[in-house]
Amino acid sequence: MAETTKTIDLHLEDHSDTLNLFGTNDRHIKQIEHFIPVKIITRGGQLKLTVKKKMLISFFHY
């Protein structure tokens, strides 16, 4: 049986917002991925988050 995933697409209008959120060399993104079971893909001001629903539920019910 395939595992269900949830994907969220976000678009940031302001370039300074992307730098603040992503961090230099995507450092903040890497930290988020390390602590939360999520895969984050960035392209310019686009942000795509993908997480397995089972992992998300278990993470927040820890």
PDB file of N, CA and C in Angstrom:
ATOM      1  N   MET A   1       0.841  -1.176   0.000  1.00  0.00           N
ATOM      2  CA  MET A   1       0.000   0.000   0.000  1.00  0.00           C
ATOM      3  C   MET A   1       0.894   1.250   0.000  1.00  0.00           C
ATOM      4  N   ALA A   2       0.589   2.215  -0.863  1.00  0.00           N
ATOM      5  CA  ALA A   2       1.373   3.448  -0.955  1.00  0.00           C
ATOM      6  C   ALA A   2       1.076   4.343   0.242  1.00  0.00           C
ATOM      7  N   GLU A   3       2.116   5.000   0.703  1.00  0.00           N
ATOM      8  CA  GLU A   3       1.955   5.902   1.831  1.00  0.00           C
ATOM      9  C   GLU A   3       1.410   7.239   1.329  1.00  0.00           C
ATOM     10  N   THR A   4       0.472   7.816   2.045  1.00  0.00           N
ATOM     11  CA  THR A   4      -0.142   9.074   1.664  1.00  0.00           C
ATOM     12  C   THR A   4       0.757  10.234   2.054  1.00  0.00           C
ATOM     13  N   THR A   5       0.924  11.170   1.117  1.00  0.00           N
ATOM     14  CA  THR A   5       1.718  12.354   1.402  1.00  0.00           C
ATOM     15  C   THR A   5       0.855  13.596   1.254  1.00  0.00           C
ATOM     16  N   LYS A   6       1.301  14.640   1.889  1.00  0.00           N
ATOM     17  CA  LYS A   6       0.646  15.947   1.799  1.00  0.00           C
ATOM     18  C   LYS A   6       1.669  16.913   1.229  1.00  0.00           C
ATOM     19  N   THR A   7       1.297  17.654   0.186  1.00  0.00           N
ATOM     20  CA  THR A   7       2.190  18.635  -0.420  1.00  0.00           C
ATOM     21  C   THR A   7       1.560  20.011  -0.320  1.00  0.00           C
ATOM     22  N   ILE A   8       2.382  20.986   0.071  1.00  0.00           N
ATOM     23  CA  ILE A   8       1.941  22.369   0.185  1.00  0.00           C
ATOM     24  C   ILE A   8       2.856  23.214  -0.694  1.00  0.00           C
ATOM     25  N   ASP A   9       2.271  24.029  -1.569  1.00  0.00           N
ATOM     26  CA  ASP A   9       3.038  24.944  -2.421  1.00  0.00           C
ATOM     27  C   ASP A   9       2.837  26.363  -1.924  1.00  0.00           C
ATOM     28  N   LEU A  10       3.934  27.076  -1.731  1.00  0.00           N
ATOM     29  CA  LEU A  10       3.890  28.466  -1.277  1.00  0.00           C
ATOM     30  C   LEU A  10       4.686  29.345  -2.236  1.00  0.00           C
ATOM     31  N   HIS A  11       4.284  30.604  -2.346  1.00  0.00           N
ATOM     32  CA  HIS A  11       5.030  31.559  -3.154  1.00  0.00           C
ATOM     33  C   HIS A  11       5.290  32.801  -2.311  1.00  0.00           C
ATOM     34  N   LEU A  12       6.556  33.193  -2.216  1.00  0.00           N
ATOM     35  CA  LEU A  12       6.927  34.394  -1.468  1.00  0.00           C
ATOM     36  C   LEU A  12       7.197  35.513  -2.459  1.00  0.00           C
ATOM     37  N   GLU A  13       6.517  36.629  -2.292  1.00  0.00           N
ATOM     38  CA  GLU A  13       6.629  37.759  -3.212  1.00  0.00           C
ATOM     39  C   GLU A  13       7.932  38.533  -3.037  1.00  0.00           C
ATOM     40  N   ASP A  14       8.336  38.751  -1.812  1.00  0.00           N
ATOM     41  CA  ASP A  14       9.470  39.621  -1.499  1.00  0.00           C
ATOM     42  C   ASP A  14      10.757  38.808  -1.376  1.00  0.00           C
ATOM     43  N   HIS A  15      11.789  39.193  -2.118  1.00  0.00           N
ATOM     44  CA  HIS A  15      13.061  38.464  -2.085  1.00  0.00           C
ATOM     45  C   HIS A  15      13.676  38.451  -0.684  1.00  0.00           C
ATOM     46  N   SER A  16      13.500  39.525   0.078  1.00  0.00           N
ATOM     47  CA  SER A  16      14.070  39.548   1.433  1.00  0.00           C
ATOM     48  C   SER A  16      13.380  38.512   2.321  1.00  0.00           C
ATOM     49  N   ASP A  17      12.099  38.234   2.059  1.00  0.00           N
ATOM     50  CA  ASP A  17      11.397  37.190   2.811  1.00  0.00           C
ATOM     51  C   ASP A  17      12.015  35.823   2.544  1.00  0.00           C
ATOM     52  N   THR A  18      12.372  35.561   1.287  1.00  0.00           N
ATOM     53  CA  THR A  18      12.951  34.258   0.954  1.00  0.00           C
ATOM     54  C   THR A  18      14.306  34.097   1.627  1.00  0.00           C
ATOM     55  N   LEU A  19      15.129  35.132   1.615  1.00  0.00           N
ATOM     56  CA  LEU A  19      16.438  35.033   2.257  1.00  0.00           C
ATOM     57  C   LEU A  19      16.295  34.820   3.756  1.00  0.00           C
ATOM     58  N   ASN A  20      15.368  35.532   4.385  1.00  0.00           N
ATOM     59  CA  ASN A  20      15.147  35.355   5.828  1.00  0.00           C
ATOM     60  C   ASN A  20      14.642  33.956   6.157  1.00  0.00           C
ATOM     61  N   LEU A  21      13.739  33.437   5.339  1.00  0.00           N
ATOM     62  CA  LEU A  21      13.169  32.120   5.596  1.00  0.00           C
ATOM     63  C   LEU A  21      14.158  31.002   5.272  1.00  0.00           C
ATOM     64  N   PHE A  22      14.797  31.072   4.095  1.00  0.00           N
ATOM     65  CA  PHE A  22      15.685  29.999   3.646  1.00  0.00           C
ATOM     66  C   PHE A  22      17.034  30.025   4.349  1.00  0.00           C
ATOM     67  N   GLY A  23      17.519  31.227   4.673  1.00  0.00           N
ATOM     68  CA  GLY A  23      18.852  31.355   5.249  1.00  0.00           C
ATOM     69  C   GLY A  23      19.919  31.298   4.157  1.00  0.00           C
ATOM     70  N   THR A  24      21.121  31.695   4.483  1.00  0.00           N
ATOM     71  CA  THR A  24      22.227  31.643   3.543  1.00  0.00           C
ATOM     72  C   THR A  24      22.500  30.189   3.163  1.00  0.00           C
ATOM     73  N   ASN A  25      22.597  29.934   1.849  1.00  0.00           N
ATOM     74  CA  ASN A  25      22.806  28.572   1.329  1.00  0.00           C
ATOM     75  C   ASN A  25      21.750  27.588   1.832  1.00  0.00           C
ATOM     76  N   ASP A  26      20.523  28.075   2.002  1.00  0.00           N
ATOM     77  CA  ASP A  26      19.390  27.250   2.474  1.00  0.00           C
ATOM     78  C   ASP A  26      19.643  26.617   3.839  1.00  0.00           C
ATOM     79  N   ARG A  27      20.442  27.273   4.665  1.00  0.00           N
ATOM     80  CA  ARG A  27      20.785  26.736   5.989  1.00  0.00           C
ATOM     81  C   ARG A  27      19.552  26.505   6.856  1.00  0.00           C
ATOM     82  N   HIS A  28      18.604  27.443   6.836  1.00  0.00           N
ATOM     83  CA  HIS A  28      17.391  27.286   7.657  1.00  0.00           C
ATOM     84  C   HIS A  28      16.541  26.129   7.162  1.00  0.00           C
ATOM     85  N   ILE A  29      16.466  25.970   5.848  1.00  0.00           N
ATOM     86  CA  ILE A  29      15.696  24.867   5.267  1.00  0.00           C
ATOM     87  C   ILE A  29      16.281  23.532   5.717  1.00  0.00           C
ATOM     88  N   LYS A  30      17.591  23.420   5.683  1.00  0.00           N
ATOM     89  CA  LYS A  30      18.259  22.177   6.092  1.00  0.00           C
ATOM     90  C   LYS A  30      18.001  21.872   7.561  1.00  0.00           C
ATOM     91  N   GLN A  31      17.972  22.904   8.402  1.00  0.00           N
ATOM     92  CA  GLN A  31      17.689  22.699   9.820  1.00  0.00           C
ATOM     93  C   GLN A  31      16.251  22.223  10.031  1.00  0.00           C
ATOM     94  N   ILE A  32      15.326  22.815   9.293  1.00  0.00           N
ATOM     95  CA  ILE A  32      13.925  22.386   9.404  1.00  0.00           C
ATOM     96  C   ILE A  32      13.804  20.927   8.996  1.00  0.00           C
ATOM     97  N   GLU A  33      14.418  20.553   7.867  1.00  0.00           N
ATOM     98  CA  GLU A  33      14.348  19.167   7.396  1.00  0.00           C
ATOM     99  C   GLU A  33      14.992  18.198   8.383  1.00  0.00           C
ATOM    100  N   HIS A  34      15.985  18.670   9.115  1.00  0.00           N
ATOM    101  CA  HIS A  34      16.651  17.814  10.098  1.00  0.00           C
ATOM    102  C   HIS A  34      15.739  17.503  11.286  1.00  0.00           C
ATOM    103  N   PHE A  35      14.953  18.486  11.726  1.00  0.00           N
ATOM    104  CA  PHE A  35      14.147  18.325  12.929  1.00  0.00           C
ATOM    105  C   PHE A  35      12.700  17.921  12.680  1.00  0.00           C
ATOM    106  N   ILE A  36      12.195  18.189  11.491  1.00  0.00           N
ATOM    107  CA  ILE A  36      10.806  17.855  11.161  1.00  0.00           C
ATOM    108  C   ILE A  36      10.829  16.920   9.959  1.00  0.00           C
ATOM    109  N   PRO A  37      10.027  15.868   9.967  1.00  0.00           N
ATOM    110  CA  PRO A  37      10.030  14.901   8.862  1.00  0.00           C
ATOM    111  C   PRO A  37       9.352  15.452   7.607  1.00  0.00           C
ATOM    112  N   VAL A  38      10.022  16.400   6.947  1.00  0.00           N
ATOM    113  CA  VAL A  38       9.464  17.054   5.770  1.00  0.00           C
ATOM    114  C   VAL A  38      10.554  17.214   4.712  1.00  0.00           C
ATOM    115  N   LYS A  39      10.183  17.167   3.453  1.00  0.00           N
ATOM    116  CA  LYS A  39      11.098  17.434   2.349  1.00  0.00           C
ATOM    117  C   LYS A  39      10.726  18.794   1.786  1.00  0.00           C
ATOM    118  N   ILE A  40      11.712  19.704   1.700  1.00  0.00           N
ATOM    119  CA  ILE A  40      11.457  21.060   1.236  1.00  0.00           C
ATOM    120  C   ILE A  40      12.258  21.303  -0.034  1.00  0.00           C
ATOM    121  N   ILE A  41      11.563  21.753  -1.077  1.00  0.00           N
ATOM    122  CA  ILE A  41      12.208  22.089  -2.343  1.00  0.00           C
ATOM    123  C   ILE A  41      11.993  23.573  -2.582  1.00  0.00           C
ATOM    124  N   THR A  42      13.079  24.293  -2.884  1.00  0.00           N
ATOM    125  CA  THR A  42      12.989  25.724  -3.138  1.00  0.00           C
ATOM    126  C   THR A  42      13.448  26.042  -4.548  1.00  0.00           C
ATOM    127  N   ARG A  43      12.747  26.949  -5.200  1.00  0.00           N
ATOM    128  CA  ARG A  43      13.108  27.459  -6.517  1.00  0.00           C
ATOM    129  C   ARG A  43      12.724  28.929  -6.537  1.00  0.00           C
ATOM    130  N   GLY A  44      13.703  29.807  -6.449  1.00  0.00           N
ATOM    131  CA  GLY A  44      13.389  31.229  -6.398  1.00  0.00           C
ATOM    132  C   GLY A  44      12.521  31.527  -5.196  1.00  0.00           C
ATOM    133  N   GLY A  45      11.364  32.120  -5.419  1.00  0.00           N
ATOM    134  CA  GLY A  45      10.440  32.418  -4.333  1.00  0.00           C
ATOM    135  C   GLY A  45       9.408  31.329  -4.114  1.00  0.00           C
ATOM    136  N   GLN A  46       9.568  30.200  -4.791  1.00  0.00           N
ATOM    137  CA  GLN A  46       8.643  29.076  -4.649  1.00  0.00           C
ATOM    138  C   GLN A  46       9.144  28.123  -3.565  1.00  0.00           C
ATOM    139  N   LEU A  47       8.237  27.600  -2.807  1.00  0.00           N
ATOM    140  CA  LEU A  47       8.557  26.678  -1.727  1.00  0.00           C
ATOM    141  C   LEU A  47       7.574  25.522  -1.795  1.00  0.00           C
ATOM    142  N   LYS A  48       8.073  24.300  -1.867  1.00  0.00           N
ATOM    143  CA  LYS A  48       7.213  23.120  -1.923  1.00  0.00           C
ATOM    144  C   LYS A  48       7.583  22.214  -0.762  1.00  0.00           C
ATOM    145  N   LEU A  49       6.620  21.949   0.109  1.00  0.00           N
ATOM    146  CA  LEU A  49       6.827  21.082   1.267  1.00  0.00           C
ATOM    147  C   LEU A  49       6.072  19.784   1.046  1.00  0.00           C
ATOM    148  N   THR A  50       6.749  18.666   1.246  1.00  0.00           N
ATOM    149  CA  THR A  50       6.113  17.362   1.122  1.00  0.00           C
ATOM    150  C   THR A  50       6.420  16.560   2.379  1.00  0.00           C
ATOM    151  N   VAL A  51       5.375  15.973   2.946  1.00  0.00           N
ATOM    152  CA  VAL A  51       5.536  15.192   4.166  1.00  0.00           C
ATOM    153  C   VAL A  51       4.611  13.977   4.094  1.00  0.00           C
ATOM    154  N   LYS A  52       5.064  12.877   4.634  1.00  0.00           N
ATOM    155  CA  LYS A  52       4.213  11.702   4.752  1.00  0.00           C
ATOM    156  C   LYS A  52       3.260  11.961   5.905  1.00  0.00           C
ATOM    157  N   LYS A  53       1.977  11.828   5.648  1.00  0.00           N
ATOM    158  CA  LYS A  53       0.973  12.144   6.679  1.00  0.00           C
ATOM    159  C   LYS A  53       1.204  11.369   7.957  1.00  0.00           C
ATOM    160  N   LYS A  54       1.587  10.101   7.845  1.00  0.00           N
ATOM    161  CA  LYS A  54       1.838   9.278   9.027  1.00  0.00           C
ATOM    162  C   LYS A  54       2.966   9.877   9.871  1.00  0.00           C
ATOM    163  N   MET A  55       4.027  10.358   9.217  1.00  0.00           N
ATOM    164  CA  MET A  55       5.160  10.954   9.929  1.00  0.00           C
ATOM    165  C   MET A  55       4.746  12.265  10.584  1.00  0.00           C
ATOM    166  N   LEU A  56       3.943  13.051   9.899  1.00  0.00           N
ATOM    167  CA  LEU A  56       3.501  14.336  10.434  1.00  0.00           C
ATOM    168  C   LEU A  56       2.653  14.134  11.681  1.00  0.00           C
ATOM    169  N   ILE A  57       1.748  13.183  11.624  1.00  0.00           N
ATOM    170  CA  ILE A  57       0.890  12.896  12.778  1.00  0.00           C
ATOM    171  C   ILE A  57       1.719  12.420  13.963  1.00  0.00           C
ATOM    172  N   SER A  58       2.667  11.504  13.712  1.00  0.00           N
ATOM    173  CA  SER A  58       3.482  10.990  14.819  1.00  0.00           C
ATOM    174  C   SER A  58       4.407  12.076  15.373  1.00  0.00           C
ATOM    175  N   PHE A  59       4.890  12.976  14.530  1.00  0.00           N
ATOM    176  CA  PHE A  59       5.770  14.060  14.990  1.00  0.00           C
ATOM    177  C   PHE A  59       5.035  14.977  15.945  1.00  0.00           C
ATOM    178  N   PHE A  60       3.808  15.371  15.604  1.00  0.00           N
ATOM    179  CA  PHE A  60       3.077  16.306  16.435  1.00  0.00           C
ATOM    180  C   PHE A  60       2.375  15.663  17.614  1.00  0.00           C
ATOM    181  N   HIS A  61       2.354  14.343  17.680  1.00  0.00           N
ATOM    182  CA  HIS A  61       1.808  13.653  18.850  1.00  0.00           C
ATOM    183  C   HIS A  61       2.894  13.067  19.720  1.00  0.00           C
ATOM    184  N   TYR A  62       4.115  13.499  19.526  1.00  0.00           N
ATOM    185  CA  TYR A  62       5.268  12.988  20.274  1.00  0.00           C
ATOM    186  C   TYR A  62       5.106  13.214  21.745  1.00  0.00           C
TER     187      TYR A  62
END
